[in-house]
Amino acid sequence: MEYLMLGMLALSILLIIVSMFLKDPHKEVRDDLDEFSLQQMQEIYQIKKKLAVLEEELLVYEDLQPSFVPKKKQIHAILKNQVISLAQQGLTTEQIARQSSLSTSEVNSILQELG
């Protein structure tokens, strides 16, 4: 029994020593993964820097642009005449707007122009 225990102890010590000298099978995969992670972080950092520069340029560009004020939409005389005739027929501004495909504010402005 003693020989068996000593043999097992010697075998375990031998296996421990051998395992120290064996190559780790997953070391290469871990190294590749670490390298890939570092590469991805560097690319993300560069993209963030470029994005910050673009945002800054966009803000500068917006500051240089004059603020756009839309001109009042020109309404054709035929539409004005249609609005006038529909108003004379007694239709409401909503009905006139629907039939003339204008907004109610445009219909009101046409009617106010006439007095």
PDB file of N, CA and C in Angstrom:
ATOM      1  N   MET A   1       0.822  -1.182   0.000  1.00  0.00           N
ATOM      2  CA  MET A   1       0.000   0.000   0.000  1.00  0.00           C
ATOM      3  C   MET A   1       0.873   1.255   0.000  1.00  0.00           C
ATOM      4  N   GLU A   2       1.976   1.164   0.730  1.00  0.00           N
ATOM      5  CA  GLU A   2       2.866   2.311   0.789  1.00  0.00           C
ATOM      6  C   GLU A   2       3.482   2.592  -0.572  1.00  0.00           C
ATOM      7  N   TYR A   3       3.808   1.514  -1.284  1.00  0.00           N
ATOM      8  CA  TYR A   3       4.414   1.683  -2.604  1.00  0.00           C
ATOM      9  C   TYR A   3       3.431   2.333  -3.581  1.00  0.00           C
ATOM     10  N   LEU A   4       2.192   1.976  -3.427  1.00  0.00           N
ATOM     11  CA  LEU A   4       1.150   2.553  -4.286  1.00  0.00           C
ATOM     12  C   LEU A   4       1.004   4.046  -4.022  1.00  0.00           C
ATOM     13  N   MET A   5       1.006   4.439  -2.764  1.00  0.00           N
ATOM     14  CA  MET A   5       0.882   5.856  -2.405  1.00  0.00           C
ATOM     15  C   MET A   5       2.104   6.637  -2.870  1.00  0.00           C
ATOM     16  N   LEU A   6       3.283   6.086  -2.689  1.00  0.00           N
ATOM     17  CA  LEU A   6       4.498   6.756  -3.131  1.00  0.00           C
ATOM     18  C   LEU A   6       4.534   6.868  -4.660  1.00  0.00           C
ATOM     19  N   GLY A   7       4.071   5.837  -5.326  1.00  0.00           N
ATOM     20  CA  GLY A   7       4.025   5.853  -6.790  1.00  0.00           C
ATOM     21  C   GLY A   7       3.070   6.922  -7.305  1.00  0.00           C
ATOM     22  N   MET A   8       1.921   7.029  -6.679  1.00  0.00           N
ATOM     23  CA  MET A   8       0.938   8.045  -7.086  1.00  0.00           C
ATOM     24  C   MET A   8       1.466   9.447  -6.805  1.00  0.00           C
ATOM     25  N   LEU A   9       2.147   9.628  -5.682  1.00  0.00           N
ATOM     26  CA  LEU A   9       2.728  10.920  -5.345  1.00  0.00           C
ATOM     27  C   LEU A   9       3.807  11.301  -6.356  1.00  0.00           C
ATOM     28  N   ALA A  10       4.638  10.345  -6.708  1.00  0.00           N
ATOM     29  CA  ALA A  10       5.698  10.600  -7.693  1.00  0.00           C
ATOM     30  C   ALA A  10       5.090  10.922  -9.051  1.00  0.00           C
ATOM     31  N   LEU A  11       4.052  10.185  -9.419  1.00  0.00           N
ATOM     32  CA  LEU A  11       3.383  10.433 -10.701  1.00  0.00           C
ATOM     33  C   LEU A  11       2.750  11.824 -10.727  1.00  0.00           C
ATOM     34  N   SER A  12       2.127  12.228  -9.647  1.00  0.00           N
ATOM     35  CA  SER A  12       1.493  13.554  -9.609  1.00  0.00           C
ATOM     36  C   SER A  12       2.535  14.668  -9.688  1.00  0.00           C
ATOM     37  N   ILE A  13       3.667  14.483  -9.002  1.00  0.00           N
ATOM     38  CA  ILE A  13       4.737  15.485  -9.071  1.00  0.00           C
ATOM     39  C   ILE A  13       5.292  15.557 -10.486  1.00  0.00           C
ATOM     40  N   LEU A  14       5.470  14.406 -11.115  1.00  0.00           N
ATOM     41  CA  LEU A  14       5.971  14.360 -12.482  1.00  0.00           C
ATOM     42  C   LEU A  14       4.998  15.052 -13.439  1.00  0.00           C
ATOM     43  N   LEU A  15       3.710  14.812 -13.275  1.00  0.00           N
ATOM     44  CA  LEU A  15       2.704  15.453 -14.137  1.00  0.00           C
ATOM     45  C   LEU A  15       2.680  16.969 -13.936  1.00  0.00           C
ATOM     46  N   ILE A  16       2.856  17.420 -12.729  1.00  0.00           N
ATOM     47  CA  ILE A  16       2.890  18.866 -12.460  1.00  0.00           C
ATOM     48  C   ILE A  16       4.088  19.497 -13.150  1.00  0.00           C
ATOM     49  N   ILE A  17       5.238  18.837 -13.076  1.00  0.00           N
ATOM     50  CA  ILE A  17       6.447  19.368 -13.714  1.00  0.00           C
ATOM     51  C   ILE A  17       6.280  19.389 -15.230  1.00  0.00           C
ATOM     52  N   VAL A  18       5.722  18.334 -15.804  1.00  0.00           N
ATOM     53  CA  VAL A  18       5.510  18.267 -17.256  1.00  0.00           C
ATOM     54  C   VAL A  18       4.522  19.343 -17.700  1.00  0.00           C
ATOM     55  N   SER A  19       3.478  19.573 -16.924  1.00  0.00           N
ATOM     56  CA  SER A  19       2.472  20.570 -17.310  1.00  0.00           C
ATOM     57  C   SER A  19       3.045  21.984 -17.330  1.00  0.00           C
ATOM     58  N   MET A  20       4.076  22.219 -16.534  1.00  0.00           N
ATOM     59  CA  MET A  20       4.700  23.543 -16.534  1.00  0.00           C
ATOM     60  C   MET A  20       5.452  23.815 -17.826  1.00  0.00           C
ATOM     61  N   PHE A  21       5.967  22.773 -18.451  1.00  0.00           N
ATOM     62  CA  PHE A  21       6.751  22.953 -19.662  1.00  0.00           C
ATOM     63  C   PHE A  21       5.923  22.831 -20.939  1.00  0.00           C
ATOM     64  N   LEU A  22       4.700  22.368 -20.829  1.00  0.00           N
ATOM     65  CA  LEU A  22       3.847  22.248 -22.013  1.00  0.00           C
ATOM     66  C   LEU A  22       3.346  23.619 -22.444  1.00  0.00           C
ATOM     67  N   LYS A  23       3.119  23.744 -23.738  1.00  0.00           N
ATOM     68  CA  LYS A  23       2.610  25.003 -24.293  1.00  0.00           C
ATOM     69  C   LYS A  23       1.114  25.108 -24.001  1.00  0.00           C
ATOM     70  N   ASP A  24       0.700  26.308 -23.626  1.00  0.00           N
ATOM     71  CA  ASP A  24      -0.722  26.549 -23.368  1.00  0.00           C
ATOM     72  C   ASP A  24      -1.464  26.572 -24.707  1.00  0.00           C
ATOM     73  N   PRO A  25      -2.443  25.685 -24.909  1.00  0.00           N
ATOM     74  CA  PRO A  25      -3.116  25.629 -26.215  1.00  0.00           C
ATOM     75  C   PRO A  25      -3.993  26.858 -26.503  1.00  0.00           C
ATOM     76  N   HIS A  26      -4.404  27.574 -25.501  1.00  0.00           N
ATOM     77  CA  HIS A  26      -5.295  28.714 -25.702  1.00  0.00           C
ATOM     78  C   HIS A  26      -4.568  30.056 -25.652  1.00  0.00           C
ATOM     79  N   LYS A  27      -3.266  30.032 -25.432  1.00  0.00           N
ATOM     80  CA  LYS A  27      -2.508  31.273 -25.323  1.00  0.00           C
ATOM     81  C   LYS A  27      -2.546  32.068 -26.621  1.00  0.00           C
ATOM     82  N   GLU A  28      -2.402  31.398 -27.736  1.00  0.00           N
ATOM     83  CA  GLU A  28      -2.408  32.088 -29.029  1.00  0.00           C
ATOM     84  C   GLU A  28      -3.770  32.737 -29.299  1.00  0.00           C
ATOM     85  N   VAL A  29      -4.828  32.032 -28.968  1.00  0.00           N
ATOM     86  CA  VAL A  29      -6.173  32.580 -29.164  1.00  0.00           C
ATOM     87  C   VAL A  29      -6.375  33.803 -28.273  1.00  0.00           C
ATOM     88  N   ARG A  30      -5.921  33.713 -27.023  1.00  0.00           N
ATOM     89  CA  ARG A  30      -6.051  34.844 -26.113  1.00  0.00           C
ATOM     90  C   ARG A  30      -5.259  36.052 -26.603  1.00  0.00           C
ATOM     91  N   ASP A  31      -4.055  35.793 -27.095  1.00  0.00           N
ATOM     92  CA  ASP A  31      -3.233  36.889 -27.615  1.00  0.00           C
ATOM     93  C   ASP A  31      -3.891  37.547 -28.825  1.00  0.00           C
ATOM     94  N   ASP A  32      -4.441  36.719 -29.718  1.00  0.00           N
ATOM     95  CA  ASP A  32      -5.127  37.269 -30.891  1.00  0.00           C
ATOM     96  C   ASP A  32      -6.339  38.097 -30.480  1.00  0.00           C
ATOM     97  N   LEU A  33      -7.074  37.608 -29.507  1.00  0.00           N
ATOM     98  CA  LEU A  33      -8.253  38.331 -29.032  1.00  0.00           C
ATOM     99  C   LEU A  33      -7.858  39.657 -28.385  1.00  0.00           C
ATOM    100  N   ASP A  34      -6.792  39.654 -27.608  1.00  0.00           N
ATOM    101  CA  ASP A  34      -6.313  40.900 -26.999  1.00  0.00           C
ATOM    102  C   ASP A  34      -5.883  41.903 -28.067  1.00  0.00           C
ATOM    103  N   GLU A  35      -5.164  41.418 -29.065  1.00  0.00           N
ATOM    104  CA  GLU A  35      -4.714  42.298 -30.148  1.00  0.00           C
ATOM    105  C   GLU A  35      -5.907  42.868 -30.915  1.00  0.00           C
ATOM    106  N   PHE A  36      -6.888  42.021 -31.182  1.00  0.00           N
ATOM    107  CA  PHE A  36      -8.087  42.471 -31.889  1.00  0.00           C
ATOM    108  C   PHE A  36      -8.845  43.514 -31.067  1.00  0.00           C
ATOM    109  N   SER A  37      -8.945  43.291 -29.766  1.00  0.00           N
ATOM    110  CA  SER A  37      -9.645  44.247 -28.899  1.00  0.00           C
ATOM    111  C   SER A  37      -8.945  45.599 -28.898  1.00  0.00           C
ATOM    112  N   LEU A  38      -7.623  45.589 -28.805  1.00  0.00           N
ATOM    113  CA  LEU A  38      -6.871  46.845 -28.837  1.00  0.00           C
ATOM    114  C   LEU A  38      -7.055  47.560 -30.168  1.00  0.00           C
ATOM    115  N   GLN A  39      -7.047  46.796 -31.238  1.00  0.00           N
ATOM    116  CA  GLN A  39      -7.226  47.385 -32.567  1.00  0.00           C
ATOM    117  C   GLN A  39      -8.609  48.035 -32.682  1.00  0.00           C
ATOM    118  N   GLN A  40      -9.630  47.355 -32.179  1.00  0.00           N
ATOM    119  CA  GLN A  40     -10.988  47.900 -32.225  1.00  0.00           C
ATOM    120  C   GLN A  40     -11.089  49.175 -31.394  1.00  0.00           C
ATOM    121  N   MET A  41     -10.476  49.196 -30.227  1.00  0.00           N
ATOM    122  CA  MET A  41     -10.519  50.393 -29.389  1.00  0.00           C
ATOM    123  C   MET A  41      -9.827  51.567 -30.070  1.00  0.00           C
ATOM    124  N   GLN A  42      -8.712  51.297 -30.752  1.00  0.00           N
ATOM    125  CA  GLN A  42      -8.013  52.362 -31.466  1.00  0.00           C
ATOM    126  C   GLN A  42      -8.873  52.906 -32.602  1.00  0.00           C
ATOM    127  N   GLU A  43      -9.535  52.015 -33.337  1.00  0.00           N
ATOM    128  CA  GLU A  43     -10.389  52.459 -34.437  1.00  0.00           C
ATOM    129  C   GLU A  43     -11.568  53.276 -33.925  1.00  0.00           C
ATOM    130  N   ILE A  44     -12.166  52.845 -32.832  1.00  0.00           N
ATOM    131  CA  ILE A  44     -13.293  53.583 -32.255  1.00  0.00           C
ATOM    132  C   ILE A  44     -12.837  54.962 -31.797  1.00  0.00           C
ATOM    133  N   TYR A  45     -11.662  55.042 -31.203  1.00  0.00           N
ATOM    134  CA  TYR A  45     -11.121  56.327 -30.762  1.00  0.00           C
ATOM    135  C   TYR A  45     -10.916  57.258 -31.955  1.00  0.00           C
ATOM    136  N   GLN A  46     -10.356  56.730 -33.038  1.00  0.00           N
ATOM    137  CA  GLN A  46     -10.134  57.548 -34.233  1.00  0.00           C
ATOM    138  C   GLN A  46     -11.456  58.011 -34.837  1.00  0.00           C
ATOM    139  N   ILE A  47     -12.443  57.133 -34.865  1.00  0.00           N
ATOM    140  CA  ILE A  47     -13.755  57.504 -35.406  1.00  0.00           C
ATOM    141  C   ILE A  47     -14.390  58.591 -34.550  1.00  0.00           C
ATOM    142  N   LYS A  48     -14.276  58.477 -33.241  1.00  0.00           N
ATOM    143  CA  LYS A  48     -14.837  59.501 -32.356  1.00  0.00           C
ATOM    144  C   LYS A  48     -14.155  60.841 -32.569  1.00  0.00           C
ATOM    145  N   LYS A  49     -12.826  60.826 -32.770  1.00  0.00           N
ATOM    146  CA  LYS A  49     -12.115  62.076 -33.031  1.00  0.00           C
ATOM    147  C   LYS A  49     -12.590  62.702 -34.337  1.00  0.00           C
ATOM    148  N   LYS A  50     -12.728  61.899 -35.382  1.00  0.00           N
ATOM    149  CA  LYS A  50     -13.189  62.419 -36.672  1.00  0.00           C
ATOM    150  C   LYS A  50     -14.609  62.951 -36.565  1.00  0.00           C
ATOM    151  N   LEU A  51     -15.453  62.249 -35.809  1.00  0.00           N
ATOM    152  CA  LEU A  51     -16.825  62.694 -35.628  1.00  0.00           C
ATOM    153  C   LEU A  51     -16.867  64.029 -34.893  1.00  0.00           C
ATOM    154  N   ALA A  52     -16.021  64.196 -33.896  1.00  0.00           N
ATOM    155  CA  ALA A  52     -15.980  65.464 -33.160  1.00  0.00           C
ATOM    156  C   ALA A  52     -15.547  66.600 -34.077  1.00  0.00           C
ATOM    157  N   VAL A  53     -14.569  66.340 -34.947  1.00  0.00           N
ATOM    158  CA  VAL A  53     -14.117  67.368 -35.891  1.00  0.00           C
ATOM    159  C   VAL A  53     -15.246  67.727 -36.852  1.00  0.00           C
ATOM    160  N   LEU A  54     -15.951  66.712 -37.361  1.00  0.00           N
ATOM    161  CA  LEU A  54     -17.058  66.974 -38.283  1.00  0.00           C
ATOM    162  C   LEU A  54     -18.179  67.754 -37.605  1.00  0.00           C
ATOM    163  N   GLU A  55     -18.500  67.392 -36.367  1.00  0.00           N
ATOM    164  CA  GLU A  55     -19.541  68.127 -35.649  1.00  0.00           C
ATOM    165  C   GLU A  55     -19.137  69.580 -35.449  1.00  0.00           C
ATOM    166  N   GLU A  56     -17.871  69.792 -35.140  1.00  0.00           N
ATOM    167  CA  GLU A  56     -17.385  71.160 -34.948  1.00  0.00           C
ATOM    168  C   GLU A  56     -17.468  71.946 -36.253  1.00  0.00           C
ATOM    169  N   GLU A  57     -17.082  71.311 -37.361  1.00  0.00           N
ATOM    170  CA  GLU A  57     -17.171  71.980 -38.661  1.00  0.00           C
ATOM    171  C   GLU A  57     -18.621  72.292 -39.006  1.00  0.00           C
ATOM    172  N   LEU A  58     -19.513  71.373 -38.673  1.00  0.00           N
ATOM    173  CA  LEU A  58     -20.927  71.590 -38.956  1.00  0.00           C
ATOM    174  C   LEU A  58     -21.457  72.767 -38.151  1.00  0.00           C
ATOM    175  N   LEU A  59     -21.064  72.866 -36.900  1.00  0.00           N
ATOM    176  CA  LEU A  59     -21.504  73.993 -36.076  1.00  0.00           C
ATOM    177  C   LEU A  59     -20.967  75.304 -36.625  1.00  0.00           C
ATOM    178  N   VAL A  60     -19.719  75.310 -37.055  1.00  0.00           N
ATOM    179  CA  VAL A  60     -19.130  76.522 -37.633  1.00  0.00           C
ATOM    180  C   VAL A  60     -19.853  76.873 -38.923  1.00  0.00           C
ATOM    181  N   TYR A  61     -20.150  75.875 -39.728  1.00  0.00           N
ATOM    182  CA  TYR A  61     -20.841  76.096 -40.997  1.00  0.00           C
ATOM    183  C   TYR A  61     -22.240  76.660 -40.761  1.00  0.00           C
ATOM    184  N   GLU A  62     -22.936  76.141 -39.738  1.00  0.00           N
ATOM    185  CA  GLU A  62     -24.274  76.650 -39.434  1.00  0.00           C
ATOM    186  C   GLU A  62     -24.215  78.094 -38.953  1.00  0.00           C
ATOM    187  N   ASP A  63     -23.176  78.444 -38.219  1.00  0.00           N
ATOM    188  CA  ASP A  63     -23.035  79.818 -37.736  1.00  0.00           C
ATOM    189  C   ASP A  63     -22.802  80.785 -38.888  1.00  0.00           C
ATOM    190  N   LEU A  64     -22.119  80.328 -39.928  1.00  0.00           N
ATOM    191  CA  LEU A  64     -21.832  81.196 -41.064  1.00  0.00           C
ATOM    192  C   LEU A  64     -23.045  81.386 -41.973  1.00  0.00           C
ATOM    193  N   GLN A  65     -23.948  80.419 -41.985  1.00  0.00           N
ATOM    194  CA  GLN A  65     -25.123  80.494 -42.846  1.00  0.00           C
ATOM    195  C   GLN A  65     -26.119  81.510 -42.284  1.00  0.00           C
ATOM    196  N   PRO A  66     -26.672  82.357 -43.142  1.00  0.00           N
ATOM    197  CA  PRO A  66     -27.729  83.248 -42.653  1.00  0.00           C
ATOM    198  C   PRO A  66     -28.972  82.416 -42.364  1.00  0.00           C
ATOM    199  N   SER A  67     -29.696  82.846 -41.365  1.00  0.00           N
ATOM    200  CA  SER A  67     -30.888  82.087 -41.028  1.00  0.00           C
ATOM    201  C   SER A  67     -31.900  82.215 -42.159  1.00  0.00           C
ATOM    202  N   PHE A  68     -32.465  81.102 -42.520  1.00  0.00           N
ATOM    203  CA  PHE A  68     -33.377  81.027 -43.653  1.00  0.00           C
ATOM    204  C   PHE A  68     -34.768  81.455 -43.214  1.00  0.00           C
ATOM    205  N   VAL A  69     -35.271  82.468 -43.858  1.00  0.00           N
ATOM    206  CA  VAL A  69     -36.623  82.933 -43.587  1.00  0.00           C
ATOM    207  C   VAL A  69     -37.441  82.663 -44.842  1.00  0.00           C
ATOM    208  N   PRO A  70     -38.386  81.735 -44.759  1.00  0.00           N
ATOM    209  CA  PRO A  70     -39.147  81.418 -45.967  1.00  0.00           C
ATOM    210  C   PRO A  70     -40.017  82.598 -46.385  1.00  0.00           C
ATOM    211  N   LYS A  71     -40.052  82.828 -47.687  1.00  0.00           N
ATOM    212  CA  LYS A  71     -40.898  83.900 -48.201  1.00  0.00           C
ATOM    213  C   LYS A  71     -42.344  83.433 -48.199  1.00  0.00           C
ATOM    214  N   LYS A  72     -43.218  84.378 -48.151  1.00  0.00           N
ATOM    215  CA  LYS A  72     -44.625  84.060 -48.181  1.00  0.00           C
ATOM    216  C   LYS A  72     -44.958  83.472 -49.540  1.00  0.00           C
ATOM    217  N   LYS A  73     -45.700  82.383 -49.526  1.00  0.00           N
ATOM    218  CA  LYS A  73     -46.033  81.687 -50.757  1.00  0.00           C
ATOM    219  C   LYS A  73     -46.908  82.574 -51.637  1.00  0.00           C
ATOM    220  N   GLN A  74     -46.505  82.682 -52.883  1.00  0.00           N
ATOM    221  CA  GLN A  74     -47.261  83.492 -53.840  1.00  0.00           C
ATOM    222  C   GLN A  74     -48.506  82.711 -54.259  1.00  0.00           C
ATOM    223  N   ILE A  75     -49.659  83.319 -54.115  1.00  0.00           N
ATOM    224  CA  ILE A  75     -50.916  82.666 -54.471  1.00  0.00           C
ATOM    225  C   ILE A  75     -51.373  83.221 -55.804  1.00  0.00           C
ATOM    226  N   HIS A  76     -51.684  82.317 -56.707  1.00  0.00           N
ATOM    227  CA  HIS A  76     -52.068  82.691 -58.071  1.00  0.00           C
ATOM    228  C   HIS A  76     -53.416  83.417 -58.058  1.00  0.00           C
ATOM    229  N   ALA A  77     -53.605  84.300 -59.026  1.00  0.00           N
ATOM    230  CA  ALA A  77     -54.826  85.120 -59.105  1.00  0.00           C
ATOM    231  C   ALA A  77     -56.069  84.263 -59.296  1.00  0.00           C
ATOM    232  N   ILE A  78     -55.920  83.149 -60.003  1.00  0.00           N
ATOM    233  CA  ILE A  78     -57.085  82.272 -60.222  1.00  0.00           C
ATOM    234  C   ILE A  78     -57.561  81.698 -58.897  1.00  0.00           C
ATOM    235  N   LEU A  79     -56.620  81.304 -58.045  1.00  0.00           N
ATOM    236  CA  LEU A  79     -56.994  80.789 -56.729  1.00  0.00           C
ATOM    237  C   LEU A  79     -57.647  81.877 -55.884  1.00  0.00           C
ATOM    238  N   LYS A  80     -57.123  83.088 -55.989  1.00  0.00           N
ATOM    239  CA  LYS A  80     -57.727  84.195 -55.240  1.00  0.00           C
ATOM    240  C   LYS A  80     -59.168  84.413 -55.684  1.00  0.00           C
ATOM    241  N   ASN A  81     -59.386  84.389 -56.991  1.00  0.00           N
ATOM    242  CA  ASN A  81     -60.751  84.565 -57.503  1.00  0.00           C
ATOM    243  C   ASN A  81     -61.657  83.435 -57.036  1.00  0.00           C
ATOM    244  N   GLN A  82     -61.121  82.211 -57.000  1.00  0.00           N
ATOM    245  CA  GLN A  82     -61.917  81.076 -56.539  1.00  0.00           C
ATOM    246  C   GLN A  82     -62.292  81.260 -55.071  1.00  0.00           C
ATOM    247  N   VAL A  83     -61.346  81.707 -54.250  1.00  0.00           N
ATOM    248  CA  VAL A  83     -61.614  81.926 -52.830  1.00  0.00           C
ATOM    249  C   VAL A  83     -62.680  83.000 -52.661  1.00  0.00           C
ATOM    250  N   ILE A  84     -62.578  84.063 -53.448  1.00  0.00           N
ATOM    251  CA  ILE A  84     -63.554  85.160 -53.349  1.00  0.00           C
ATOM    252  C   ILE A  84     -64.946  84.667 -53.713  1.00  0.00           C
ATOM    253  N   SER A  85     -65.043  83.906 -54.806  1.00  0.00           N
ATOM    254  CA  SER A  85     -66.369  83.446 -55.236  1.00  0.00           C
ATOM    255  C   SER A  85     -66.954  82.452 -54.240  1.00  0.00           C
ATOM    256  N   LEU A  86     -66.114  81.595 -53.661  1.00  0.00           N
ATOM    257  CA  LEU A  86     -66.617  80.648 -52.661  1.00  0.00           C
ATOM    258  C   LEU A  86     -67.054  81.376 -51.395  1.00  0.00           C
ATOM    259  N   ALA A  87     -66.347  82.443 -51.033  1.00  0.00           N
ATOM    260  CA  ALA A  87     -66.731  83.222 -49.857  1.00  0.00           C
ATOM    261  C   ALA A  87     -68.050  83.937 -50.104  1.00  0.00           C
ATOM    262  N   GLN A  88     -68.249  84.404 -51.340  1.00  0.00           N
ATOM    263  CA  GLN A  88     -69.505  85.085 -51.671  1.00  0.00           C
ATOM    264  C   GLN A  88     -70.672  84.105 -51.661  1.00  0.00           C
ATOM    265  N   GLN A  89     -70.370  82.821 -51.904  1.00  0.00           N
ATOM    266  CA  GLN A  89     -71.429  81.809 -51.865  1.00  0.00           C
ATOM    267  C   GLN A  89     -71.779  81.420 -50.433  1.00  0.00           C
ATOM    268  N   GLY A  90     -70.987  81.897 -49.461  1.00  0.00           N
ATOM    269  CA  GLY A  90     -71.307  81.671 -48.056  1.00  0.00           C
ATOM    270  C   GLY A  90     -70.620  80.470 -47.430  1.00  0.00           C
ATOM    271  N   LEU A  91     -69.601  79.932 -48.068  1.00  0.00           N
ATOM    272  CA  LEU A  91     -68.889  78.785 -47.496  1.00  0.00           C
ATOM    273  C   LEU A  91     -67.961  79.253 -46.370  1.00  0.00           C
ATOM    274  N   THR A  92     -67.688  78.357 -45.430  1.00  0.00           N
ATOM    275  CA  THR A  92     -66.771  78.682 -44.333  1.00  0.00           C
ATOM    276  C   THR A  92     -65.329  78.619 -44.842  1.00  0.00           C
ATOM    277  N   THR A  93     -64.422  79.187 -44.036  1.00  0.00           N
ATOM    278  CA  THR A  93     -63.014  79.194 -44.464  1.00  0.00           C
ATOM    279  C   THR A  93     -62.447  77.775 -44.551  1.00  0.00           C
ATOM    280  N   GLU A  94     -62.904  76.862 -43.700  1.00  0.00           N
ATOM    281  CA  GLU A  94     -62.431  75.478 -43.768  1.00  0.00           C
ATOM    282  C   GLU A  94     -62.875  74.820 -45.066  1.00  0.00           C
ATOM    283  N   GLN A  95     -64.131  75.071 -45.467  1.00  0.00           N
ATOM    284  CA  GLN A  95     -64.631  74.497 -46.719  1.00  0.00           C
ATOM    285  C   GLN A  95     -63.893  75.096 -47.916  1.00  0.00           C
ATOM    286  N   ILE A  96     -63.653  76.399 -47.863  1.00  0.00           N
ATOM    287  CA  ILE A  96     -62.925  77.060 -48.955  1.00  0.00           C
ATOM    288  C   ILE A  96     -61.502  76.509 -49.032  1.00  0.00           C
ATOM    289  N   ALA A  97     -60.882  76.320 -47.878  1.00  0.00           N
ATOM    290  CA  ALA A  97     -59.513  75.795 -47.847  1.00  0.00           C
ATOM    291  C   ALA A  97     -59.454  74.394 -48.446  1.00  0.00           C
ATOM    292  N   ARG A  98     -60.437  73.565 -48.125  1.00  0.00           N
ATOM    293  CA  ARG A  98     -60.467  72.214 -48.678  1.00  0.00           C
ATOM    294  C   ARG A  98     -60.645  72.235 -50.189  1.00  0.00           C
ATOM    295  N   GLN A  99     -61.560  73.046 -50.686  1.00  0.00           N
ATOM    296  CA  GLN A  99     -61.850  73.078 -52.122  1.00  0.00           C
ATOM    297  C   GLN A  99     -60.726  73.727 -52.920  1.00  0.00           C
ATOM    298  N   SER A 100     -60.055  74.705 -52.346  1.00  0.00           N
ATOM    299  CA  SER A 100     -59.006  75.406 -53.091  1.00  0.00           C
ATOM    300  C   SER A 100     -57.610  74.854 -52.794  1.00  0.00           C
ATOM    301  N   SER A 101     -57.541  73.829 -51.943  1.00  0.00           N
ATOM    302  CA  SER A 101     -56.273  73.210 -51.517  1.00  0.00           C
ATOM    303  C   SER A 101     -55.288  74.242 -50.965  1.00  0.00           C
ATOM    304  N   LEU A 102     -55.802  75.179 -50.194  1.00  0.00           N
ATOM    305  CA  LEU A 102     -54.990  76.157 -49.477  1.00  0.00           C
ATOM    306  C   LEU A 102     -55.189  75.926 -47.988  1.00  0.00           C
ATOM    307  N   SER A 103     -54.333  76.514 -47.187  1.00  0.00           N
ATOM    308  CA  SER A 103     -54.528  76.429 -45.743  1.00  0.00           C
ATOM    309  C   SER A 103     -55.546  77.480 -45.319  1.00  0.00           C
ATOM    310  N   THR A 104     -56.117  77.292 -44.147  1.00  0.00           N
ATOM    311  CA  THR A 104     -57.114  78.255 -43.671  1.00  0.00           C
ATOM    312  C   THR A 104     -56.482  79.625 -43.446  1.00  0.00           C
ATOM    313  N   SER A 105     -55.210  79.648 -43.035  1.00  0.00           N
ATOM    314  CA  SER A 105     -54.552  80.948 -42.841  1.00  0.00           C
ATOM    315  C   SER A 105     -54.371  81.667 -44.178  1.00  0.00           C
ATOM    316  N   GLU A 106     -54.089  80.925 -45.256  1.00  0.00           N
ATOM    317  CA  GLU A 106     -53.962  81.548 -46.575  1.00  0.00           C
ATOM    318  C   GLU A 106     -55.310  82.074 -47.055  1.00  0.00           C
ATOM    319  N   VAL A 107     -56.369  81.304 -46.789  1.00  0.00           N
ATOM    320  CA  VAL A 107     -57.714  81.760 -47.169  1.00  0.00           C
ATOM    321  C   VAL A 107     -58.053  83.026 -46.401  1.00  0.00           C
ATOM    322  N   ASN A 108     -57.756  83.041 -45.101  1.00  0.00           N
ATOM    323  CA  ASN A 108     -58.038  84.231 -44.290  1.00  0.00           C
ATOM    324  C   ASN A 108     -57.246  85.437 -44.778  1.00  0.00           C
ATOM    325  N   SER A 109     -55.981  85.229 -45.169  1.00  0.00           N
ATOM    326  CA  SER A 109     -55.183  86.368 -45.645  1.00  0.00           C
ATOM    327  C   SER A 109     -55.728  86.907 -46.966  1.00  0.00           C
ATOM    328  N   ILE A 110     -56.222  86.029 -47.838  1.00  0.00           N
ATOM    329  CA  ILE A 110     -56.817  86.493 -49.103  1.00  0.00           C
ATOM    330  C   ILE A 110     -58.072  87.306 -48.819  1.00  0.00           C
ATOM    331  N   LEU A 111     -58.895  86.806 -47.902  1.00  0.00           N
ATOM    332  CA  LEU A 111     -60.133  87.514 -47.584  1.00  0.00           C
ATOM    333  C   LEU A 111     -59.845  88.846 -46.891  1.00  0.00           C
ATOM    334  N   GLN A 112     -58.783  88.920 -46.108  1.00  0.00           N
ATOM    335  CA  GLN A 112     -58.422  90.172 -45.446  1.00  0.00           C
ATOM    336  C   GLN A 112     -57.871  91.186 -46.443  1.00  0.00           C
ATOM    337  N   GLU A 113     -57.214  90.714 -47.492  1.00  0.00           N
ATOM    338  CA  GLU A 113     -56.700  91.621 -48.519  1.00  0.00           C
ATOM    339  C   GLU A 113     -57.841  92.362 -49.210  1.00  0.00           C
ATOM    340  N   LEU A 114     -58.966  91.666 -49.340  1.00  0.00           N
ATOM    341  CA  LEU A 114     -60.104  92.271 -50.036  1.00  0.00           C
ATOM    342  C   LEU A 114     -60.860  93.247 -49.148  1.00  0.00           C
ATOM    343  N   GLY A 115     -60.715  93.077 -47.905  1.00  0.00           N
ATOM    344  CA  GLY A 115     -61.355  94.055 -47.029  1.00  0.00           C
ATOM    345  C   GLY A 115     -62.366  93.393 -46.233  1.00  0.00           C
TER     346      GLY A 115
END
